[in-house]
Amino acid sequence: MRSGSSETSLRSLELPPEYEDLTGLLQADMKAIVIALADRAGDRLLMSRRRRLKLRRDLWNNLAKAVRETMEPLSAELQ
């Protein structure tokens, strides 16, 4: 997923150094999840393209935040 500099930008997936090698794999999986969920919701709720894209962006940002917050305490640098 792309990132931009406006308030509609996507969060980057930031992992502790011990897990950085997994970033690409996780991004690919998260992208598939976000697209599947947003497309299903868009089809079922007859969302406009704009709403569907906003849902994708919100899902991505929330997933990236959840992964980052969950993994941060598991970093050896913090212990």
N, C-alpha and C. Protein backbone atom coordinates (compact mmCIF):
# COMPACT_ATOMS: atom_id res chain seq x y z
N MET A 1 0.84 -1.15 0.00
CA MET A 1 0.00 0.00 0.00
C MET A 1 0.91 1.24 0.00
N ARG A 2 0.51 2.26 -0.71
CA ARG A 2 1.31 3.45 -0.84
C ARG A 2 1.19 4.33 0.39
N SER A 3 2.16 5.18 0.57
CA SER A 3 2.07 6.16 1.64
C SER A 3 2.23 7.55 1.05
N GLY A 4 1.56 8.52 1.66
CA GLY A 4 1.64 9.89 1.19
C GLY A 4 1.91 10.81 2.35
N SER A 5 1.84 12.11 2.09
CA SER A 5 2.16 13.05 3.15
C SER A 5 0.94 13.80 3.66
N SER A 6 -0.22 13.56 3.10
CA SER A 6 -1.42 14.26 3.56
C SER A 6 -2.02 13.53 4.74
N GLU A 7 -3.09 14.08 5.30
CA GLU A 7 -3.73 13.44 6.44
C GLU A 7 -4.40 12.13 6.06
N THR A 8 -4.52 11.86 4.76
CA THR A 8 -5.11 10.61 4.30
C THR A 8 -4.05 9.56 4.02
N SER A 9 -2.84 9.81 4.50
CA SER A 9 -1.74 8.89 4.20
C SER A 9 -1.86 7.59 4.98
N LEU A 10 -1.16 6.61 4.50
CA LEU A 10 -1.13 5.30 5.15
C LEU A 10 0.05 5.24 6.11
N ARG A 11 -0.18 4.64 7.26
CA ARG A 11 0.91 4.44 8.22
C ARG A 11 1.86 3.39 7.68
N SER A 12 3.12 3.59 7.96
CA SER A 12 4.07 2.54 7.59
C SER A 12 4.04 1.47 8.68
N LEU A 13 4.36 0.28 8.29
CA LEU A 13 4.42 -0.82 9.24
C LEU A 13 5.80 -0.81 9.86
N GLU A 14 5.86 -0.42 11.12
CA GLU A 14 7.14 -0.31 11.83
C GLU A 14 7.22 -1.42 12.87
N LEU A 15 8.24 -2.24 12.72
CA LEU A 15 8.45 -3.34 13.65
C LEU A 15 9.77 -3.14 14.39
N PRO A 16 9.88 -3.70 15.60
CA PRO A 16 11.17 -3.65 16.29
C PRO A 16 12.25 -4.31 15.42
N PRO A 17 13.51 -3.95 15.65
CA PRO A 17 14.60 -4.47 14.81
C PRO A 17 14.62 -6.00 14.69
N GLU A 18 14.26 -6.71 15.75
CA GLU A 18 14.28 -8.17 15.70
C GLU A 18 13.30 -8.76 14.70
N TYR A 19 12.31 -7.97 14.29
CA TYR A 19 11.25 -8.46 13.42
C TYR A 19 11.23 -7.75 12.06
N GLU A 20 12.19 -6.87 11.81
CA GLU A 20 12.18 -6.09 10.58
C GLU A 20 12.21 -6.95 9.32
N ASP A 21 12.83 -8.12 9.39
CA ASP A 21 12.90 -8.99 8.21
C ASP A 21 11.52 -9.53 7.82
N LEU A 22 10.55 -9.40 8.69
CA LEU A 22 9.19 -9.87 8.41
C LEU A 22 8.29 -8.79 7.83
N THR A 23 8.80 -7.57 7.73
CA THR A 23 7.98 -6.44 7.31
C THR A 23 7.33 -6.68 5.95
N GLY A 24 8.10 -7.09 4.96
CA GLY A 24 7.55 -7.31 3.62
C GLY A 24 6.46 -8.36 3.60
N LEU A 25 6.70 -9.46 4.29
CA LEU A 25 5.71 -10.54 4.36
C LEU A 25 4.42 -10.05 5.03
N LEU A 26 4.58 -9.36 6.15
CA LEU A 26 3.40 -8.86 6.86
C LEU A 26 2.65 -7.82 6.04
N GLN A 27 3.37 -6.97 5.34
CA GLN A 27 2.71 -5.96 4.50
C GLN A 27 1.88 -6.63 3.41
N ALA A 28 2.41 -7.66 2.80
CA ALA A 28 1.68 -8.36 1.75
C ALA A 28 0.41 -9.01 2.31
N ASP A 29 0.54 -9.65 3.47
CA ASP A 29 -0.63 -10.28 4.09
C ASP A 29 -1.66 -9.25 4.52
N MET A 30 -1.19 -8.16 5.12
CA MET A 30 -2.11 -7.11 5.55
C MET A 30 -2.83 -6.48 4.36
N LYS A 31 -2.11 -6.30 3.27
CA LYS A 31 -2.72 -5.72 2.08
C LYS A 31 -3.84 -6.63 1.57
N ALA A 32 -3.60 -7.93 1.55
CA ALA A 32 -4.62 -8.88 1.09
C ALA A 32 -5.84 -8.84 2.01
N ILE A 33 -5.61 -8.78 3.31
CA ILE A 33 -6.70 -8.73 4.28
C ILE A 33 -7.52 -7.46 4.11
N VAL A 34 -6.84 -6.34 4.01
CA VAL A 34 -7.51 -5.05 3.87
C VAL A 34 -8.35 -5.01 2.61
N ILE A 35 -7.78 -5.44 1.51
CA ILE A 35 -8.51 -5.42 0.23
C ILE A 35 -9.73 -6.33 0.30
N ALA A 36 -9.57 -7.54 0.83
CA ALA A 36 -10.69 -8.48 0.91
C ALA A 36 -11.82 -7.92 1.77
N LEU A 37 -11.47 -7.40 2.94
CA LEU A 37 -12.50 -6.88 3.84
C LEU A 37 -13.20 -5.65 3.25
N ALA A 38 -12.43 -4.72 2.70
CA ALA A 38 -13.01 -3.51 2.15
C ALA A 38 -13.86 -3.81 0.92
N ASP A 39 -13.40 -4.71 0.08
CA ASP A 39 -14.18 -5.06 -1.11
C ASP A 39 -15.49 -5.75 -0.73
N ARG A 40 -15.43 -6.66 0.23
CA ARG A 40 -16.66 -7.33 0.67
C ARG A 40 -17.64 -6.33 1.27
N ALA A 41 -17.14 -5.46 2.14
CA ALA A 41 -18.02 -4.45 2.74
C ALA A 41 -18.57 -3.51 1.67
N GLY A 42 -17.71 -3.12 0.74
CA GLY A 42 -18.15 -2.23 -0.33
C GLY A 42 -19.23 -2.84 -1.19
N ASP A 43 -19.09 -4.12 -1.50
CA ASP A 43 -20.10 -4.80 -2.31
C ASP A 43 -21.41 -4.96 -1.54
N ARG A 44 -21.32 -5.37 -0.30
CA ARG A 44 -22.52 -5.62 0.51
C ARG A 44 -23.26 -4.33 0.84
N LEU A 45 -22.52 -3.27 1.07
CA LEU A 45 -23.14 -2.01 1.50
C LEU A 45 -23.26 -0.99 0.37
N LEU A 46 -22.90 -1.41 -0.85
CA LEU A 46 -22.97 -0.54 -2.02
C LEU A 46 -22.24 0.79 -1.77
N MET A 47 -21.04 0.69 -1.26
CA MET A 47 -20.24 1.88 -0.96
C MET A 47 -19.72 2.53 -2.23
N SER A 48 -19.58 3.82 -2.16
CA SER A 48 -18.94 4.54 -3.26
C SER A 48 -17.45 4.21 -3.25
N ARG A 49 -16.79 4.50 -4.34
CA ARG A 49 -15.34 4.26 -4.43
C ARG A 49 -14.60 5.02 -3.34
N ARG A 50 -15.02 6.26 -3.11
CA ARG A 50 -14.38 7.09 -2.09
C ARG A 50 -14.50 6.46 -0.70
N ARG A 51 -15.69 5.98 -0.36
CA ARG A 51 -15.89 5.35 0.95
C ARG A 51 -15.10 4.06 1.07
N ARG A 52 -15.05 3.30 -0.02
CA ARG A 52 -14.30 2.05 -0.02
C ARG A 52 -12.81 2.31 0.20
N LEU A 53 -12.29 3.34 -0.47
CA LEU A 53 -10.87 3.69 -0.29
C LEU A 53 -10.60 4.19 1.12
N LYS A 54 -11.54 4.94 1.68
CA LYS A 54 -11.38 5.40 3.07
C LYS A 54 -11.38 4.20 4.02
N LEU A 55 -12.25 3.24 3.77
CA LEU A 55 -12.29 2.04 4.60
C LEU A 55 -10.97 1.29 4.50
N ARG A 56 -10.44 1.15 3.30
CA ARG A 56 -9.13 0.49 3.13
C ARG A 56 -8.05 1.21 3.92
N ARG A 57 -8.03 2.53 3.81
CA ARG A 57 -7.03 3.32 4.51
C ARG A 57 -7.18 3.17 6.03
N ASP A 58 -8.41 3.24 6.52
CA ASP A 58 -8.65 3.10 7.96
C ASP A 58 -8.27 1.71 8.46
N LEU A 59 -8.63 0.69 7.70
CA LEU A 59 -8.27 -0.68 8.08
C LEU A 59 -6.76 -0.84 8.13
N TRP A 60 -6.08 -0.37 7.09
CA TRP A 60 -4.62 -0.47 7.05
C TRP A 60 -3.98 0.22 8.24
N ASN A 61 -4.38 1.47 8.48
CA ASN A 61 -3.78 2.23 9.57
C ASN A 61 -4.03 1.58 10.93
N ASN A 62 -5.22 1.07 11.14
CA ASN A 62 -5.53 0.42 12.41
C ASN A 62 -4.78 -0.89 12.58
N LEU A 63 -4.64 -1.66 11.50
CA LEU A 63 -3.87 -2.90 11.58
C LEU A 63 -2.39 -2.61 11.83
N ALA A 64 -1.84 -1.63 11.12
CA ALA A 64 -0.43 -1.27 11.31
C ALA A 64 -0.18 -0.82 12.75
N LYS A 65 -1.11 -0.02 13.28
CA LYS A 65 -0.98 0.46 14.66
C LYS A 65 -1.06 -0.70 15.64
N ALA A 66 -2.00 -1.62 15.43
CA ALA A 66 -2.15 -2.76 16.34
C ALA A 66 -0.91 -3.65 16.32
N VAL A 67 -0.36 -3.91 15.15
CA VAL A 67 0.85 -4.74 15.05
C VAL A 67 2.00 -4.05 15.77
N ARG A 68 2.19 -2.77 15.50
CA ARG A 68 3.29 -2.02 16.12
C ARG A 68 3.15 -2.01 17.64
N GLU A 69 1.97 -1.72 18.15
CA GLU A 69 1.77 -1.65 19.60
C GLU A 69 1.91 -3.01 20.27
N THR A 70 1.53 -4.07 19.57
CA THR A 70 1.64 -5.41 20.13
C THR A 70 3.08 -5.88 20.15
N MET A 71 3.86 -5.53 19.13
CA MET A 71 5.23 -6.02 19.01
C MET A 71 6.24 -5.18 19.78
N GLU A 72 5.96 -3.92 20.03
CA GLU A 72 6.92 -3.06 20.72
C GLU A 72 7.38 -3.63 22.06
N PRO A 73 6.47 -4.14 22.91
CA PRO A 73 6.93 -4.69 24.19
C PRO A 73 7.78 -5.94 24.05
N LEU A 74 7.80 -6.56 22.90
CA LEU A 74 8.56 -7.78 22.68
C LEU A 74 9.96 -7.52 22.15
N SER A 75 10.33 -6.27 22.05
CA SER A 75 11.64 -5.89 21.56
C SER A 75 12.67 -6.08 22.68
N ALA A 76 13.79 -6.69 22.37
CA ALA A 76 14.86 -6.90 23.34
C ALA A 76 15.46 -5.57 23.78
N GLU A 77 15.39 -4.55 22.92
CA GLU A 77 15.95 -3.25 23.25
C GLU A 77 15.20 -2.57 24.39
N LEU A 78 13.94 -2.92 24.57
CA LEU A 78 13.14 -2.28 25.62
C LEU A 78 13.24 -3.01 26.94
N GLN A 79 13.76 -4.21 26.95
CA GLN A 79 13.79 -5.00 28.18
C GLN A 79 15.07 -4.83 28.93
